[in-house]
């Protein structure tokens, strides 16, 4: 999820740069701020933060077999 957010940040900055706009705040939407935000999101994603749901150790976890189960002659 954080990788998608980083891609959105980089995409918005790219569009703002291509359209040559600063959204009324040139110091807020500069290269170093947007690059830092995008790289922070990518680093958090690579560190395993926000990578999605984990398999729980409770009931219902394990392999799912659809149709015929293997090894059941």
Protein backbone atom coordinates (compact mmCIF):
# COMPACT_ATOMS: atom_id res chain seq x y z
CA UNK A 1 0.00 0.00 0.00
CA UNK A 2 2.82 2.39 0.81
CA UNK A 3 4.47 1.66 -2.54
CA UNK A 4 1.25 2.74 -4.26
CA UNK A 5 1.19 5.92 -2.15
CA UNK A 6 4.80 6.61 -3.15
CA UNK A 7 3.90 6.13 -6.81
CA UNK A 8 1.00 8.57 -6.41
CA UNK A 9 3.30 11.15 -4.78
CA UNK A 10 5.85 10.82 -7.58
CA UNK A 11 3.08 10.96 -10.21
CA UNK A 12 1.54 14.11 -8.76
CA UNK A 13 4.92 15.78 -8.62
CA UNK A 14 5.68 14.74 -12.20
CA UNK A 15 2.39 16.22 -13.42
CA UNK A 16 2.99 19.41 -11.45
CA UNK A 17 6.45 19.68 -12.95
CA UNK A 18 5.27 18.99 -16.50
CA UNK A 19 2.40 21.48 -16.21
CA UNK A 20 4.79 24.02 -14.64
CA UNK A 21 2.56 24.80 -11.68
CA UNK A 22 3.37 25.18 -8.00
CA UNK A 23 -0.19 25.00 -6.55
CA UNK A 24 0.32 28.41 -4.94
CA UNK A 25 3.01 27.11 -2.58
CA UNK A 26 6.39 26.93 -4.34
CA UNK A 27 8.27 26.09 -1.12
CA UNK A 28 5.95 23.19 -0.26
CA UNK A 29 5.93 21.40 -3.62
CA UNK A 30 9.61 21.51 -4.52
CA UNK A 31 11.78 18.62 -5.65
CA UNK A 32 13.47 17.87 -2.35
CA UNK A 33 10.22 17.76 -0.36
CA UNK A 34 8.39 15.48 -2.80
CA UNK A 35 11.42 13.23 -3.32
CA UNK A 36 11.89 12.90 0.44
CA UNK A 37 8.23 12.02 0.93
CA UNK A 38 8.26 9.46 -1.88
CA UNK A 39 11.51 7.87 -0.73
CA UNK A 40 10.23 7.74 2.86
CA UNK A 41 7.12 5.86 1.72
CA UNK A 42 9.23 3.46 -0.34
CA UNK A 43 11.59 2.86 2.58
CA UNK A 44 8.67 2.10 4.91
CA UNK A 45 7.26 -0.30 2.33
CA UNK A 46 10.57 -2.10 1.93
CA UNK A 47 10.92 -2.29 5.72
CA UNK A 48 7.66 -4.24 5.86
CA UNK A 49 5.43 -1.50 7.26
CA UNK A 50 2.01 -1.49 5.64
CA UNK A 51 2.71 -4.46 3.43
CA UNK A 52 -0.76 -5.91 3.88
CA UNK A 53 -2.44 -8.45 6.12
CA UNK A 54 -0.37 -11.22 7.65
CA UNK A 55 -1.46 -14.84 7.94
CA UNK A 56 -2.95 -15.34 11.38
CA UNK A 57 -2.07 -18.29 13.57
CA UNK A 58 -5.70 -18.94 14.52
CA UNK A 59 -8.31 -21.18 12.96
CA UNK A 60 -8.76 -20.95 9.23
CA UNK A 61 -5.12 -20.37 8.45
CA UNK A 62 -3.07 -22.74 6.36
CA UNK A 63 -3.27 -23.98 2.83
CA UNK A 64 -6.46 -23.79 0.91
CA UNK A 65 -7.33 -26.65 -1.40
CA UNK A 66 -9.97 -26.16 -4.02
CA UNK A 67 -11.46 -29.26 -5.57
CA UNK A 68 -9.72 -32.52 -4.82
CA UNK A 69 -7.10 -32.45 -2.08
CA UNK A 70 -3.67 -33.78 -3.00
CA UNK A 71 -2.60 -37.07 -1.41
CA UNK A 72 -6.13 -38.35 -0.91
CA UNK A 73 -6.05 -41.33 -3.28
